[in-house]
Amino acid sequence: MATQFFSDEQVEGLRRYPDIGREELVRFFTLTGRDQAFIDNQGRGGGRGPAARLGLAVQLCTLPWLGFVPDDIWAVPQAAVLRLANQLAVFPGSLEQYGRRAQTRSDHLRLVQTYLGWSPAPSGGESLKELEQFLLDRAMEHDTPSLLFHQGAEFLLSARVTRPGVVTLMELVASARSAAGALTSEKVDHLLTARTRQDLDALLVADPVVGTTRLAWLTTPAVEASAAAVKLAIDKLLFLRGTDAHLLDLSMLPRERRRFLATLGRRSTVQGLRRREERRFPILLALVAQSAVDQLDEAIALFDQAVSARESRAKAKTNEALAERAKKGEARQLLMDVILPVLADPSIPDEDVGGILRERVGMQALREVSAMGWKPLPRDHGRLSALEASYSYLRQFTPQVLETIDFHGGPGTADLMNAVAMLKELNRVGGRKVPAGAPTSFVPARYADYLARARRDGDDTAFRHYWELCTVLALRDGLRSGDVFVPGSRRYADPGTYLFTPEQWEGRRAEFCQLVRKPAGAAEAIEQTRGELHQALDDLEETLASSSPGDVGAVRLDEQGRLIIPPLSAEDVSAEAKALRDELAGMLPFVPIASLLIELDARTNFLACFTHAGGRKHVQSVELKRNILAVLIAGVTNLGLARMSEACGVSVDVLAWTQEWYVREETLREANTILVNHHYGLELAKAFGGGTMSSSDGQRFPVRGKSLTARDMNIHGGRVLSTYTHVSDQWSTYGTKQIVPTAREGHFTLDELLGNATDLPITEHATDTHGATLVNFGLFDLVGKALTPRIRDLGKITLLRDDTPAATIARYPHAGPLLADRWNEDLITGTWDDLLRMGGSLKFGEATASLIVGKWSAASRQNTLAAALKEWGRMRRTIPHAELQAAEAAGDLARIAAARAAYDAAYDEFDRVGRELIAEAQRLMEARLDRNAMFLDQMGASWKAGDAAMEALTGRRRSQPPTGSNEADGQDR
């Protein structure tokens, strides 16, 4: 196991003082009275000399900050030296005279350790054992050595143990990684029977049935949702079940360890796995265990998409038929415009009506219209009938899906589950006729007429087709909502299993409530919410009472009592700001993207995040960094590896290998986190925002080829992918997720906020109307975040009240009539702990927000927890809604004034920074011109001296020497 996983530059950086921020400066370099007494009374010679006192203070403040004291103590940030010197009333430059003898610094460090209660670097004993055990536990969770190093340093810091040397800690990390591998083998050894080893080795042998190794066959994902893809997924699932992969219990290994091993198995070649000898078995074991779950999820997802694709095709055909029907209906309507006036005219005798109509319309037109065969449409406009044309196609895979996958139903799905069981039995025995008592309560009302007509006409074939299609569609919808679940699945499991169990939640409730500032009791929560509601309504009532229907530009009630909310006016950018912007933009040079990335890496070392997927960590060579940058540029510019190979001269094979092993979702996310953190620390970034607010929106990109996440969308002119992006108020992108374009973006709004690994302290999030769902309002509040979306038709949103209409109107004469519904407090009271458990499960990472939001948004009315979450969301939407309406008018002038003041302050700061940049650029340019002039003058003097020497020797002169003062040189200078 390699012990050198940091470059030489990184090692030196870990030994030196880092840059210090203002918060760290104040926190660690502020001396208390006790600290100053210690400095004055300790150290060599009493420590009363300025150099000794200042050096001792630097060590005293450095140890709690870094966990160690660098050898080059004189390289401490100057801001820290100035702060300490000011507190000690000594000259800052005296630090240069401190500790020229290493013994002095060592003695002072021991005094500081004793004073602060710290232990020396662990070289043995209990502290070393604790560190080794901690690193082993973390190495079982992940295999990233740099992360283990920093976690070990944080552990020592929290334990008040001085960090050892960088090389020593790297050796401990390497030892922990090696021990984790051995421990993994030991923990799974009881599962590796001779039969199991034989089955695992068989994965690495080419199988003529599938035309490749079973390993490659299993790890190749589907690229389209077709009948063949669904059947192939079922075949893979049955193969894994034949090896008992779904019964493997690897719970003795941490979840992250299992994920790491499975990822390593998917990315490794057959030859690479064979070279690992005994170590390959835990990898393959984790791979097949995870594949059993992944393949089950993939089979269900493909089933969903294949059925939905045919349903979408039926919908498109129906829409086309409706459009054609509308064209024919136009001709019939024009004919009726002629017929009806004649029929409605009482002055025309009945016996003359026919003759008049035949004369006015014409027999030919009447024959053409009557030949159209106009028939009334069913309630669904014929969509199920159009879907029935795909019945044979769906039958290619639906029987295998129903037979292989064990579907279970939740509350309210008994009839659907009976229908599924009945359909499975019909498929098994080859039955064609649906029994008379087959359940149909799950059939939507728009489809019920099809079954009733088929049963009435005695058409058993049509009834079987329609009933089976309705059963499959209802099963698909139940899987989406969570009303139907599959044991053993991860994505389609029982929604209740996504949350902490009541036993797990019991130990986390108090911590979560303190973290998000929510009361643990339902009565307190309702009382707190009621207080917030009335505060908001008081403000709204005051705003509406002070405005009249004629107050244009103010929030008001019109003559009919309807709420009118005028749109906000945009802030104008001043001419001065535009001029300064153009001036600064003109100073920016054109920088090639490769040069920009190289400079970013020099500042942030973000390329170190692109680690080898196999866990082999080594120093990145210049060639490897170049290849990673080429792959990144090829991806972001959509250039492709082939074209990039032509541009940079690196072979396609090398770039493809680099992309496969180094550029992954986790490495991209880690690198982006480093860049966002660096941007957040820049002084100029704070002029745009504090990093506390963000927004999200989706972008769609055209794509070619096959993809499970791409969809054909007419509005975009073809097949597209959707990328959902989260951007902070500092304009840094801290989260990106690829989603299905037809999926609702609001389901993914909370994911990146809860998974935010950057330093951005996001507390408020804005979205477009897509994010304004009741479930999102509820969950955002439960996890301690604020959702402030843009809501279309804001004045039409239903607001809640907590009392009777009469009592509410009596208290709020103006705002009361707007409160249309009463809050269901009993529902919240009965489910409050479950709501907190849901919020805690998201906050602590037990479940992903997109999964929860998607399931509970689509859940049926029988799901009490889903109903409670939406009810809580309705109230949380009401409170900020009422506050917003009040602020729109009552605080309009104050808001504008505050916004103008903030804008002016930001502009002043921007102007100051810009002027400083311009002055610095001018200074550098003048200095460069002065240096050039001096160089030319020196060159001219040297030339003259050379000429004099040449003339003295030969009697000849050279050509006219250059000069730094004539006007001809001015342009060159």
Foldseek 3Di string as FASTA:
>chain_A
DDLFQDDPVVQVVLQDADDDDPVLLVPQLDDDPVRLVCCQQDAPPRNPDLQSSLLLSLLLRVCLVQLAQHPPNVRHDPVSLVSNCVVVVHDSVSVVVPCPDVVRVVVSNVSSCVVVVAAEADPDDDVVVVLLVVLLVVLLQDQALVVSLVVSSVVNSVVRYRHDRPSVSSVSNVVSNVVNLVVLCVVCVVVDDVVLVVVLLQQLDQDVVVRGRVLQLLLDQDQALALVNLVSLLVNLVVLVVSVLLVDDPVVGDPNNLVLLLLLSSLDHSVRLVVVPSSNSSSSSSNSNVSNQVSLVRSLLSLLVHLVVLLVVLVVVLVVVVVVVVVLVVLVVVLCVVLVVLVPDVVDDPVCSVVVSCVVCPPVSVVVNVVPPDDDAALVSCSLVSSLVCLVRSVSHPLSNLVRFDKDFAPPCVLLVQLSVQVNVCVVVVNQARDPPRDDPQQDPSLVVQLVVCVVVVPRNSNSSSSVSSSSVSQSLCQQQQRMATPSYDLRHRVVVLFDDPVRVVVCLVVQCVVQVADLALVVRVVVLQVLQVVLLVLLLVQAVVDAQPPPQAFYAHPVLFTDFDDDDDDDDDPVLVVLVVVVVVPDDDDPPVVVVVVVCVVQVLLSLQAFSNSDRDDDDPVLSVLVVLLVVCVVVVVDLVNSCVVPVPDSVVSVVSCSTGPDPRSVLSSLQSVVQVLQPDPLLPLQHNLAEKEKDKDKDDDDDGRHQWDADVVVPGIIWIKMWIATSSRRTNDIDTGRPPDQPLLQPCQCVLVRPHPRNHAEYEYEQSNLALLNLLLCSLLNHHYDYDHPPLSPQAAEDADDLVVQCVVRVSCSVSNDYYQPSVLCNVCVNVSNSVSVSPNVVSHGSSSVCSNLVSHDPVPSVSVNSSSSSRSSVNSVSSNVSSCSHPVVVVVVVVVVVSVVVSSVVVVVVSVVVVVVVVVVVVVVLVVVQVVLQVQQVVLVVVQVVCCVVPVDGDDRGTHSPDPVCPVVD
